[in-house]
Each structure stands twice: as structure tokens, then as C-alpha cells.
Amino acid sequence: MKLTNETYFNPEVLNEYLSASQYKSFAGTMGQPGCEAQAMASLRGEWHREMTPALMVGSYVDAHFEGTLDVFIAQHPDILTQKLQLKAEYQRANLIINKIENSEYFMKYICGEKQVIMEAEFFGTKWKCKIDSYIPDVAVVDLKIMKSLRESFYVSDYGKMCFAHYWGYDIQGAIYQEIVRCNVNKQLPFYIAGASKEPYTDIEIIGFTQSDLNDTMSVIESNTKRIVDIKSGKIEPDRCGKCNYCIHTKVVTKPIHFSELF
């Protein structure tokens, strides 16, 4: 099936291709463990990711810069009050948009070709991506609207980390870069164009060294075969036991020791 905006999230396409978000749902990130069982339930249409207010605000800003804001509002009328005015969080999103548009340097990074779909094959499977801002021969850019750009996260076994590692945006960067390289035969830098939801919006263009992305790609390669085997039915997915899907579908069969609660 040809990849288009209309088919990008088609169930057949989701089963045929891996993407950065699907990879993370299986393998997790440094801060957010994956769950193979939940990932497969999502592919089968048995489990759906909750669209939280935080995600909706990010999607609102994305839609503005894609030029599809009217469509977004029509599809999500619940972002309006009974008087057909934007709810407070989306009025705040407009302030974020204004801060971004007043930064000439920031705008250079997000004014590339919008929502560019690319596909490639590596590590024994097909991959797909949709790039927020593709600047040919220059860079691959993803727009992120975060609670804070400076917030740190503590993760057992890893210690303190920034949001980019915690949410696996290095994974996204490595995958996007490789898909683009397969298409244009050039290894372009990956950047996050980040803006915060704080009372005073913080903005940054955030980069990764090629060593960062190469190391991340090695981890992705080591995990991909198992994901492909799970998707094809060769092996059964593991349950993490802690995600919403596992809790929702849990069947208690025996007592546990209190130490297992962690």
C-alpha cells in the first residue's frame, strides 16, 4: 500500500512498517519502558492510546504550522467553549505560536517542507516517518511542545536525564536520519525545535552529535529483530505488568510478595 497522509495510520500499513513511535511502544526508551503486549494490542485495534490534553495542545500547535488548523478545530470541537471560543489551554497555545513566530532563527528550522513522508528498509524490515520540517540537504527537524525544556528526570539505573532521552527523541532522531539517508544518500543532522508550555515560553533548537545517534542506532538494530518476530507471530509478546493495558487485562492467579510492588 502506498504511503500517503490518508493511509499513514492504516492498520495494514502499521503492520507492514515500523516507525519511531511504534518501535518505542515495543522497546521503550531510557525513561519510559515499552510493553510488547500493549503494542500488539494497539496494532490489533484492541487498545487505543489516550489523547491527553497535553498531547492535544501539541497537536494544535503542529496543526497551525502545517496549515491545517481549521481542519483540526473542526475535528476536535471540544477544544471550544459553548461560546465557540478557544478553551484556556489553547489560548495559551496561541501564545506559544506567537513566541515561535517572533523568533527568526527558530522559524528557519521549522519552515522546511511540512509533514514529508518517507520510507526505507533496514535491519530486515520496512520503516516509515513523517517529518515535521524537512530542509533538503540541510536538516531534519521535529517540533516538540513540552511542559518544560529544562525539566530533569531521574531514572533508576541511569540517573538524571533531560526530556530528550527520557522520551526517546534520540531514538526518533536516529530513525528519521537513517530513513532520510536511505532516500537521498546524505546523512543530515536531526534537530528538535522545542518550545515550552511555561508561563514564559522557552524555545530552543536542540541538536545531537552523530556519535549520539550512532550509539542509539546500534541499540535500535539489536532490538528490531525481536519486534519483527513478534509482529509476524513467530514469538509471543511479553507483558510488562505495569502499563495501563496490562493492568486493565490482568488476571490475578496467585499472591505476590510485597517487594514485587516496585
C-alpha atoms as a PDB file:
ATOM      1  CA  MET A   1       0.000   0.000   0.000  1.00  0.00           C
ATOM      2  CA  LYS A   2       1.328   3.435  -0.994  1.00  0.00           C
ATOM      3  CA  LEU A   3       2.140   5.714   1.940  1.00  0.00           C
ATOM      4  CA  THR A   4       0.059   8.900   1.942  1.00  0.00           C
ATOM      5  CA  ASN A   5      -1.472  11.131   4.605  1.00  0.00           C
ATOM      6  CA  GLU A   6      -4.661   9.110   4.214  1.00  0.00           C
ATOM      7  CA  THR A   7      -3.018   5.672   4.535  1.00  0.00           C
ATOM      8  CA  TYR A   8      -0.232   6.506   7.011  1.00  0.00           C
ATOM      9  CA  PHE A   9      -2.122   5.108  10.008  1.00  0.00           C
ATOM     10  CA  ASN A  10      -3.974   2.396   8.079  1.00  0.00           C
ATOM     11  CA  PRO A  11      -3.895  -0.929  10.040  1.00  0.00           C
ATOM     12  CA  GLU A  12      -2.303  -2.684   7.072  1.00  0.00           C
ATOM     13  CA  VAL A  13       0.444  -0.050   6.941  1.00  0.00           C
ATOM     14  CA  LEU A  14       1.020  -0.217  10.699  1.00  0.00           C
ATOM     15  CA  ASN A  15       1.550  -3.965  10.440  1.00  0.00           C
ATOM     16  CA  GLU A  16       3.843  -3.673   7.421  1.00  0.00           C
ATOM     17  CA  TYR A  17       6.068  -0.856   8.673  1.00  0.00           C
ATOM     18  CA  LEU A  18       7.931   0.091  11.818  1.00  0.00           C
ATOM     19  CA  SER A  19       8.144   3.731  12.897  1.00  0.00           C
ATOM     20  CA  ALA A  20       9.886   5.556  15.724  1.00  0.00           C
ATOM     21  CA  SER A  21       6.726   5.677  17.821  1.00  0.00           C
ATOM     22  CA  GLN A  22       5.890   2.030  17.184  1.00  0.00           C
ATOM     23  CA  TYR A  23       9.462   0.976  17.977  1.00  0.00           C
ATOM     24  CA  LYS A  24       9.258   2.862  21.295  1.00  0.00           C
ATOM     25  CA  SER A  25       5.936   1.223  22.129  1.00  0.00           C
ATOM     26  CA  PHE A  26       7.663  -2.177  21.889  1.00  0.00           C
ATOM     27  CA  ALA A  27      11.192  -1.465  23.150  1.00  0.00           C
ATOM     28  CA  GLY A  28      10.636   1.597  25.316  1.00  0.00           C
ATOM     29  CA  THR A  29      13.022   4.472  25.978  1.00  0.00           C
ATOM     30  CA  MET A  30      15.520   5.229  28.724  1.00  0.00           C
ATOM     31  CA  GLY A  31      12.724   6.771  30.768  1.00  0.00           C
ATOM     32  CA  GLN A  32       9.578   5.007  29.581  1.00  0.00           C
ATOM     33  CA  PRO A  33       9.555   1.178  29.427  1.00  0.00           C
ATOM     34  CA  GLY A  34       7.808  -0.360  26.458  1.00  0.00           C
ATOM     35  CA  CYS A  35       5.252  -3.154  26.585  1.00  0.00           C
ATOM     36  CA  GLU A  36       5.176  -5.707  23.795  1.00  0.00           C
ATOM     37  CA  ALA A  37       1.695  -6.919  24.735  1.00  0.00           C
ATOM     38  CA  GLN A  38       0.241  -3.406  24.704  1.00  0.00           C
ATOM     39  CA  ALA A  39       1.986  -2.626  21.406  1.00  0.00           C
ATOM     40  CA  MET A  40       0.453  -5.694  19.767  1.00  0.00           C
ATOM     41  CA  ALA A  41      -2.979  -4.944  21.231  1.00  0.00           C
ATOM     42  CA  SER A  42      -2.736  -1.480  19.668  1.00  0.00           C
ATOM     43  CA  LEU A  43      -1.844  -2.974  16.289  1.00  0.00           C
ATOM     44  CA  ARG A  44      -4.844  -5.292  16.518  1.00  0.00           C
ATOM     45  CA  GLY A  45      -7.129  -2.359  17.322  1.00  0.00           C
ATOM     46  CA  GLU A  46      -7.848  -3.707  20.804  1.00  0.00           C
ATOM     47  CA  TRP A  47      -6.177  -0.840  22.666  1.00  0.00           C
ATOM     48  CA  HIS A  48      -6.015   2.851  21.880  1.00  0.00           C
ATOM     49  CA  ARG A  49      -3.652   5.475  23.199  1.00  0.00           C
ATOM     50  CA  GLU A  50      -5.430   8.065  25.297  1.00  0.00           C
ATOM     51  CA  MET A  51      -5.381  11.524  23.722  1.00  0.00           C
ATOM     52  CA  THR A  52      -4.459  13.602  26.767  1.00  0.00           C
ATOM     53  CA  PRO A  53      -4.873  17.402  26.985  1.00  0.00           C
ATOM     54  CA  ALA A  54      -1.076  17.744  26.811  1.00  0.00           C
ATOM     55  CA  LEU A  55      -0.959  15.817  23.525  1.00  0.00           C
ATOM     56  CA  MET A  56      -3.877  17.823  22.174  1.00  0.00           C
ATOM     57  CA  VAL A  57      -2.099  21.129  22.798  1.00  0.00           C
ATOM     58  CA  GLY A  58       0.979  19.849  20.969  1.00  0.00           C
ATOM     59  CA  SER A  59      -1.207  18.695  18.072  1.00  0.00           C
ATOM     60  CA  TYR A  60      -2.883  22.124  17.971  1.00  0.00           C
ATOM     61  CA  VAL A  61       0.492  23.861  17.554  1.00  0.00           C
ATOM     62  CA  ASP A  62       1.583  21.264  14.968  1.00  0.00           C
ATOM     63  CA  ALA A  63      -1.615  21.858  13.000  1.00  0.00           C
ATOM     64  CA  HIS A  64      -1.005  25.610  12.970  1.00  0.00           C
ATOM     65  CA  PHE A  65       2.428  25.249  11.397  1.00  0.00           C
ATOM     66  CA  GLU A  66       1.174  22.569   8.992  1.00  0.00           C
ATOM     67  CA  GLY A  67      -1.534  24.961   7.804  1.00  0.00           C
ATOM     68  CA  THR A  68      -4.305  22.560   8.876  1.00  0.00           C
ATOM     69  CA  LEU A  69      -5.588  24.318  11.995  1.00  0.00           C
ATOM     70  CA  ASP A  70      -9.107  24.823  10.622  1.00  0.00           C
ATOM     71  CA  VAL A  71      -9.359  21.085   9.969  1.00  0.00           C
ATOM     72  CA  PHE A  72      -8.014  20.292  13.446  1.00  0.00           C
ATOM     73  CA  ILE A  73     -10.588  22.519  15.149  1.00  0.00           C
ATOM     74  CA  ALA A  74     -13.380  21.009  13.040  1.00  0.00           C
ATOM     75  CA  GLN A  75     -12.262  17.508  14.048  1.00  0.00           C
ATOM     76  CA  HIS A  76     -11.942  18.452  17.739  1.00  0.00           C
ATOM     77  CA  PRO A  77     -14.840  20.814  18.570  1.00  0.00           C
ATOM     78  CA  ASP A  78     -14.336  20.022  22.269  1.00  0.00           C
ATOM     79  CA  ILE A  79     -11.408  22.475  22.326  1.00  0.00           C
ATOM     80  CA  LEU A  80     -14.017  25.243  22.091  1.00  0.00           C
ATOM     81  CA  THR A  81     -16.272  26.592  24.830  1.00  0.00           C
ATOM     82  CA  GLN A  82     -20.045  26.803  24.494  1.00  0.00           C
ATOM     83  CA  LYS A  83     -19.493  30.357  23.232  1.00  0.00           C
ATOM     84  CA  LEU A  84     -17.257  28.886  20.471  1.00  0.00           C
ATOM     85  CA  GLN A  85     -14.132  30.446  21.950  1.00  0.00           C
ATOM     86  CA  LEU A  86     -10.892  28.537  22.454  1.00  0.00           C
ATOM     87  CA  LYS A  87     -10.505  26.982  25.892  1.00  0.00           C
ATOM     88  CA  ALA A  88      -7.764  28.437  28.084  1.00  0.00           C
ATOM     89  CA  GLU A  89      -5.086  25.865  27.252  1.00  0.00           C
ATOM     90  CA  TYR A  90      -5.455  26.543  23.526  1.00  0.00           C
ATOM     91  CA  GLN A  91      -5.372  30.295  24.049  1.00  0.00           C
ATOM     92  CA  ARG A  92      -2.081  29.587  25.821  1.00  0.00           C
ATOM     93  CA  ALA A  93      -1.027  27.538  22.781  1.00  0.00           C
ATOM     94  CA  ASN A  94      -1.556  30.621  20.624  1.00  0.00           C
ATOM     95  CA  LEU A  95       0.910  32.490  22.835  1.00  0.00           C
ATOM     96  CA  ILE A  96       3.440  29.698  22.227  1.00  0.00           C
ATOM     97  CA  ILE A  97       2.841  30.058  18.500  1.00  0.00           C
ATOM     98  CA  ASN A  98       3.379  33.814  18.724  1.00  0.00           C
ATOM     99  CA  LYS A  99       6.674  33.312  20.596  1.00  0.00           C
ATOM    100  CA  ILE A 100       7.870  30.885  17.930  1.00  0.00           C
ATOM    101  CA  GLU A 101       6.856  33.115  15.034  1.00  0.00           C
ATOM    102  CA  ASN A 102       8.660  36.080  16.580  1.00  0.00           C
ATOM    103  CA  SER A 103      11.969  34.162  16.503  1.00  0.00           C
ATOM    104  CA  GLU A 104      13.508  34.457  13.036  1.00  0.00           C
ATOM    105  CA  TYR A 105      16.189  31.889  13.880  1.00  0.00           C
ATOM    106  CA  PHE A 106      13.686  29.320  15.217  1.00  0.00           C
ATOM    107  CA  MET A 107      11.441  29.784  12.181  1.00  0.00           C
ATOM    108  CA  LYS A 108      14.320  28.934   9.829  1.00  0.00           C
ATOM    109  CA  TYR A 109      14.263  25.402  11.235  1.00  0.00           C
ATOM    110  CA  ILE A 110      10.516  24.795  11.054  1.00  0.00           C
ATOM    111  CA  CYS A 111       9.826  26.401   7.678  1.00  0.00           C
ATOM    112  CA  GLY A 112      11.073  23.461   5.639  1.00  0.00           C
ATOM    113  CA  GLU A 113       8.842  21.074   3.700  1.00  0.00           C
ATOM    114  CA  LYS A 114       5.981  20.094   6.008  1.00  0.00           C
ATOM    115  CA  GLN A 115       4.921  16.570   7.007  1.00  0.00           C
ATOM    116  CA  VAL A 116       7.177  14.858   4.474  1.00  0.00           C
ATOM    117  CA  ILE A 117       6.518  11.107   4.349  1.00  0.00           C
ATOM    118  CA  MET A 118       9.488   8.840   3.657  1.00  0.00           C
ATOM    119  CA  GLU A 119      10.059   5.110   3.842  1.00  0.00           C
ATOM    120  CA  ALA A 120      13.127   2.874   3.791  1.00  0.00           C
ATOM    121  CA  GLU A 121      14.184  -0.669   4.554  1.00  0.00           C
ATOM    122  CA  PHE A 122      16.914  -1.576   7.035  1.00  0.00           C
ATOM    123  CA  PHE A 123      17.510  -4.084   9.835  1.00  0.00           C
ATOM    124  CA  GLY A 124      15.306  -6.549   7.960  1.00  0.00           C
ATOM    125  CA  THR A 125      12.084  -4.533   7.913  1.00  0.00           C
ATOM    126  CA  LYS A 126      10.360  -1.505   6.388  1.00  0.00           C
ATOM    127  CA  TRP A 127      10.359   1.806   8.262  1.00  0.00           C
ATOM    128  CA  LYS A 128       8.306   4.957   7.783  1.00  0.00           C
ATOM    129  CA  CYS A 129       8.380   8.501   9.103  1.00  0.00           C
ATOM    130  CA  LYS A 130       6.538  11.789   8.722  1.00  0.00           C
ATOM    131  CA  ILE A 131       8.911  14.733   9.117  1.00  0.00           C
ATOM    132  CA  ASP A 132       7.623  17.987  10.631  1.00  0.00           C
ATOM    133  CA  SER A 133      10.162  20.129   8.760  1.00  0.00           C
ATOM    134  CA  TYR A 134      12.432  18.668   6.081  1.00  0.00           C
ATOM    135  CA  ILE A 135      15.081  21.042   4.761  1.00  0.00           C
ATOM    136  CA  PRO A 136      16.697  19.265   1.781  1.00  0.00           C
ATOM    137  CA  ASP A 137      20.483  18.933   2.046  1.00  0.00           C
ATOM    138  CA  VAL A 138      20.392  20.770   5.404  1.00  0.00           C
ATOM    139  CA  ALA A 139      18.456  19.168   8.260  1.00  0.00           C
ATOM    140  CA  VAL A 140      15.617  17.040   9.576  1.00  0.00           C
ATOM    141  CA  VAL A 141      13.586  18.865  12.240  1.00  0.00           C
ATOM    142  CA  ASP A 142      10.846  17.776  14.636  1.00  0.00           C
ATOM    143  CA  LEU A 143       8.716  20.294  16.519  1.00  0.00           C
ATOM    144  CA  LYS A 144       8.135  19.434  20.187  1.00  0.00           C
ATOM    145  CA  ILE A 145       5.883  21.316  22.600  1.00  0.00           C
ATOM    146  CA  MET A 146       6.941  20.297  26.095  1.00  0.00           C
ATOM    147  CA  LYS A 147       5.905  21.100  29.655  1.00  0.00           C
ATOM    148  CA  SER A 148       9.463  22.399  30.138  1.00  0.00           C
ATOM    149  CA  LEU A 149      12.681  22.155  28.146  1.00  0.00           C
ATOM    150  CA  ARG A 150      14.791  22.248  31.316  1.00  0.00           C
ATOM    151  CA  GLU A 151      12.967  19.647  33.386  1.00  0.00           C
ATOM    152  CA  SER A 152      15.177  16.775  34.510  1.00  0.00           C
ATOM    153  CA  PHE A 153      14.057  13.210  35.148  1.00  0.00           C
ATOM    154  CA  TYR A 154      15.622  10.665  37.469  1.00  0.00           C
ATOM    155  CA  VAL A 155      15.558   7.080  36.255  1.00  0.00           C
ATOM    156  CA  SER A 156      16.828   4.152  38.294  1.00  0.00           C
ATOM    157  CA  ASP A 157      19.999   2.605  36.775  1.00  0.00           C
ATOM    158  CA  TYR A 158      20.541   5.656  34.546  1.00  0.00           C
ATOM    159  CA  GLY A 159      20.379   8.662  36.862  1.00  0.00           C
ATOM    160  CA  LYS A 160      19.305  12.153  35.830  1.00  0.00           C
ATOM    161  CA  MET A 161      18.439  12.889  32.220  1.00  0.00           C
ATOM    162  CA  CYS A 162      16.782  15.527  30.064  1.00  0.00           C
ATOM    163  CA  PHE A 163      13.423  15.190  28.327  1.00  0.00           C
ATOM    164  CA  ALA A 164      15.041  14.184  25.018  1.00  0.00           C
ATOM    165  CA  HIS A 165      16.497  10.990  26.489  1.00  0.00           C
ATOM    166  CA  TYR A 166      13.557  10.334  28.789  1.00  0.00           C
ATOM    167  CA  TRP A 167      11.006  10.356  25.970  1.00  0.00           C
ATOM    168  CA  GLY A 168      13.323   8.773  23.404  1.00  0.00           C
ATOM    169  CA  TYR A 169      13.682  11.644  20.971  1.00  0.00           C
ATOM    170  CA  ASP A 170      17.221  10.448  20.304  1.00  0.00           C
ATOM    171  CA  ILE A 171      15.581   7.235  19.040  1.00  0.00           C
ATOM    172  CA  GLN A 172      13.289   9.247  16.794  1.00  0.00           C
ATOM    173  CA  GLY A 173      16.247  11.274  15.518  1.00  0.00           C
ATOM    174  CA  ALA A 174      18.342   8.209  14.688  1.00  0.00           C
ATOM    175  CA  ILE A 175      15.482   6.522  12.820  1.00  0.00           C
ATOM    176  CA  TYR A 176      14.486   9.659  10.910  1.00  0.00           C
ATOM    177  CA  GLN A 177      18.087  10.341   9.939  1.00  0.00           C
ATOM    178  CA  GLU A 178      18.578   6.810   8.607  1.00  0.00           C
ATOM    179  CA  ILE A 179      15.320   6.834   6.623  1.00  0.00           C
ATOM    180  CA  VAL A 180      16.323  10.134   5.018  1.00  0.00           C
ATOM    181  CA  ARG A 181      19.839   8.833   4.310  1.00  0.00           C
ATOM    182  CA  CYS A 182      18.396   5.808   2.526  1.00  0.00           C
ATOM    183  CA  ASN A 183      16.323   8.136   0.337  1.00  0.00           C
ATOM    184  CA  VAL A 184      18.761  10.930  -0.519  1.00  0.00           C
ATOM    185  CA  ASN A 185      22.137   9.302   0.223  1.00  0.00           C
ATOM    186  CA  LYS A 186      23.032  12.086   2.667  1.00  0.00           C
ATOM    187  CA  GLN A 187      23.311  11.942   6.453  1.00  0.00           C
ATOM    188  CA  LEU A 188      21.537  15.090   7.596  1.00  0.00           C
ATOM    189  CA  PRO A 189      21.616  16.387  11.188  1.00  0.00           C
ATOM    190  CA  PHE A 190      18.479  15.944  13.297  1.00  0.00           C
ATOM    191  CA  TYR A 191      17.172  18.774  15.470  1.00  0.00           C
ATOM    192  CA  ILE A 192      14.345  19.223  17.932  1.00  0.00           C
ATOM    193  CA  ALA A 193      12.666  22.603  17.649  1.00  0.00           C
ATOM    194  CA  GLY A 194      11.464  22.765  21.240  1.00  0.00           C
ATOM    195  CA  ALA A 195       9.025  25.144  22.918  1.00  0.00           C
ATOM    196  CA  SER A 196       7.724  25.002  26.480  1.00  0.00           C
ATOM    197  CA  LYS A 197       4.235  25.478  27.943  1.00  0.00           C
ATOM    198  CA  GLU A 198       5.542  27.523  30.857  1.00  0.00           C
ATOM    199  CA  PRO A 199       4.085  30.968  31.677  1.00  0.00           C
ATOM    200  CA  TYR A 200       7.045  32.437  29.771  1.00  0.00           C
ATOM    201  CA  THR A 201       7.595  30.169  26.766  1.00  0.00           C
ATOM    202  CA  ASP A 202      11.149  28.888  26.422  1.00  0.00           C
ATOM    203  CA  ILE A 203      12.355  27.980  22.927  1.00  0.00           C
ATOM    204  CA  GLU A 204      15.490  26.163  21.767  1.00  0.00           C
ATOM    205  CA  ILE A 205      16.885  24.374  18.734  1.00  0.00           C
ATOM    206  CA  ILE A 206      18.312  21.166  20.208  1.00  0.00           C
ATOM    207  CA  GLY A 207      20.828  19.007  18.368  1.00  0.00           C
ATOM    208  CA  PHE A 208      22.527  15.647  18.778  1.00  0.00           C
ATOM    209  CA  THR A 209      26.086  14.650  17.933  1.00  0.00           C
ATOM    210  CA  GLN A 210      26.467  11.999  15.270  1.00  0.00           C
ATOM    211  CA  SER A 211      28.044   9.800  17.936  1.00  0.00           C
ATOM    212  CA  ASP A 212      24.820  10.118  19.981  1.00  0.00           C
ATOM    213  CA  LEU A 213      22.714   8.987  17.031  1.00  0.00           C
ATOM    214  CA  ASN A 214      25.114   6.204  16.026  1.00  0.00           C
ATOM    215  CA  ASP A 215      25.074   4.740  19.536  1.00  0.00           C
ATOM    216  CA  THR A 216      21.281   4.927  19.605  1.00  0.00           C
ATOM    217  CA  MET A 217      21.072   3.252  16.203  1.00  0.00           C
ATOM    218  CA  SER A 218      23.139   0.318  17.478  1.00  0.00           C
ATOM    219  CA  VAL A 219      20.569  -0.255  20.233  1.00  0.00           C
ATOM    220  CA  ILE A 220      17.721   0.011  17.729  1.00  0.00           C
ATOM    221  CA  GLU A 221      19.375  -2.587  15.498  1.00  0.00           C
ATOM    222  CA  SER A 222      19.764  -5.023  18.394  1.00  0.00           C
ATOM    223  CA  ASN A 223      16.056  -4.733  19.287  1.00  0.00           C
ATOM    224  CA  THR A 224      14.485  -4.752  15.836  1.00  0.00           C
ATOM    225  CA  LYS A 225      14.593  -8.477  15.046  1.00  0.00           C
ATOM    226  CA  ARG A 226      12.600  -9.352  18.160  1.00  0.00           C
ATOM    227  CA  ILE A 227       9.985  -6.723  17.315  1.00  0.00           C
ATOM    228  CA  VAL A 228       9.681  -8.047  13.767  1.00  0.00           C
ATOM    229  CA  ASP A 229       9.334 -11.604  15.067  1.00  0.00           C
ATOM    230  CA  ILE A 230       6.607 -10.527  17.495  1.00  0.00           C
ATOM    231  CA  LYS A 231       4.694  -8.680  14.785  1.00  0.00           C
ATOM    232  CA  SER A 232       4.904 -11.700  12.467  1.00  0.00           C
ATOM    233  CA  GLY A 233       3.677 -14.069  15.189  1.00  0.00           C
ATOM    234  CA  LYS A 234       6.905 -16.048  15.483  1.00  0.00           C
ATOM    235  CA  ILE A 235       7.189 -15.301  19.190  1.00  0.00           C
ATOM    236  CA  GLU A 236       4.703 -14.206  21.830  1.00  0.00           C
ATOM    237  CA  PRO A 237       4.906 -10.661  23.212  1.00  0.00           C
ATOM    238  CA  ASP A 238       5.876 -10.167  26.845  1.00  0.00           C
ATOM    239  CA  ARG A 239       3.593  -8.304  29.242  1.00  0.00           C
ATOM    240  CA  CYS A 240       5.268  -5.562  31.253  1.00  0.00           C
ATOM    241  CA  GLY A 241       2.665  -5.932  34.012  1.00  0.00           C
ATOM    242  CA  LYS A 242       2.672  -2.193  34.799  1.00  0.00           C
ATOM    243  CA  CYS A 243       1.188  -0.301  31.858  1.00  0.00           C
ATOM    244  CA  ASN A 244      -2.499   0.607  31.625  1.00  0.00           C
ATOM    245  CA  TYR A 245      -3.144  -2.228  29.186  1.00  0.00           C
ATOM    246  CA  CYS A 246      -1.579  -4.853  31.448  1.00  0.00           C
ATOM    247  CA  ILE A 247      -3.425  -3.536  34.491  1.00  0.00           C
ATOM    248  CA  HIS A 248      -6.722  -3.445  32.584  1.00  0.00           C
ATOM    249  CA  THR A 249      -6.363  -7.016  31.306  1.00  0.00           C
ATOM    250  CA  LYS A 250      -4.677  -8.527  34.397  1.00  0.00           C
ATOM    251  CA  VAL A 251      -5.953 -11.801  35.815  1.00  0.00           C
ATOM    252  CA  VAL A 252      -4.823 -12.455  39.391  1.00  0.00           C
ATOM    253  CA  THR A 253      -3.833 -16.113  39.899  1.00  0.00           C
ATOM    254  CA  LYS A 254      -1.591 -16.095  42.973  1.00  0.00           C
ATOM    255  CA  PRO A 255      -0.311 -13.877  45.800  1.00  0.00           C
ATOM    256  CA  ILE A 256       2.800 -11.766  45.290  1.00  0.00           C
ATOM    257  CA  HIS A 257       5.461 -10.696  47.786  1.00  0.00           C
ATOM    258  CA  PHE A 258       5.279  -7.042  48.791  1.00  0.00           C
ATOM    259  CA  SER A 259       8.744  -6.441  47.305  1.00  0.00           C
ATOM    260  CA  GLU A 260       7.265  -7.157  43.861  1.00  0.00           C
ATOM    261  CA  LEU A 261       5.179  -3.985  44.032  1.00  0.00           C
ATOM    262  CA  PHE A 262       8.161  -1.903  42.905  1.00  0.00           C
END
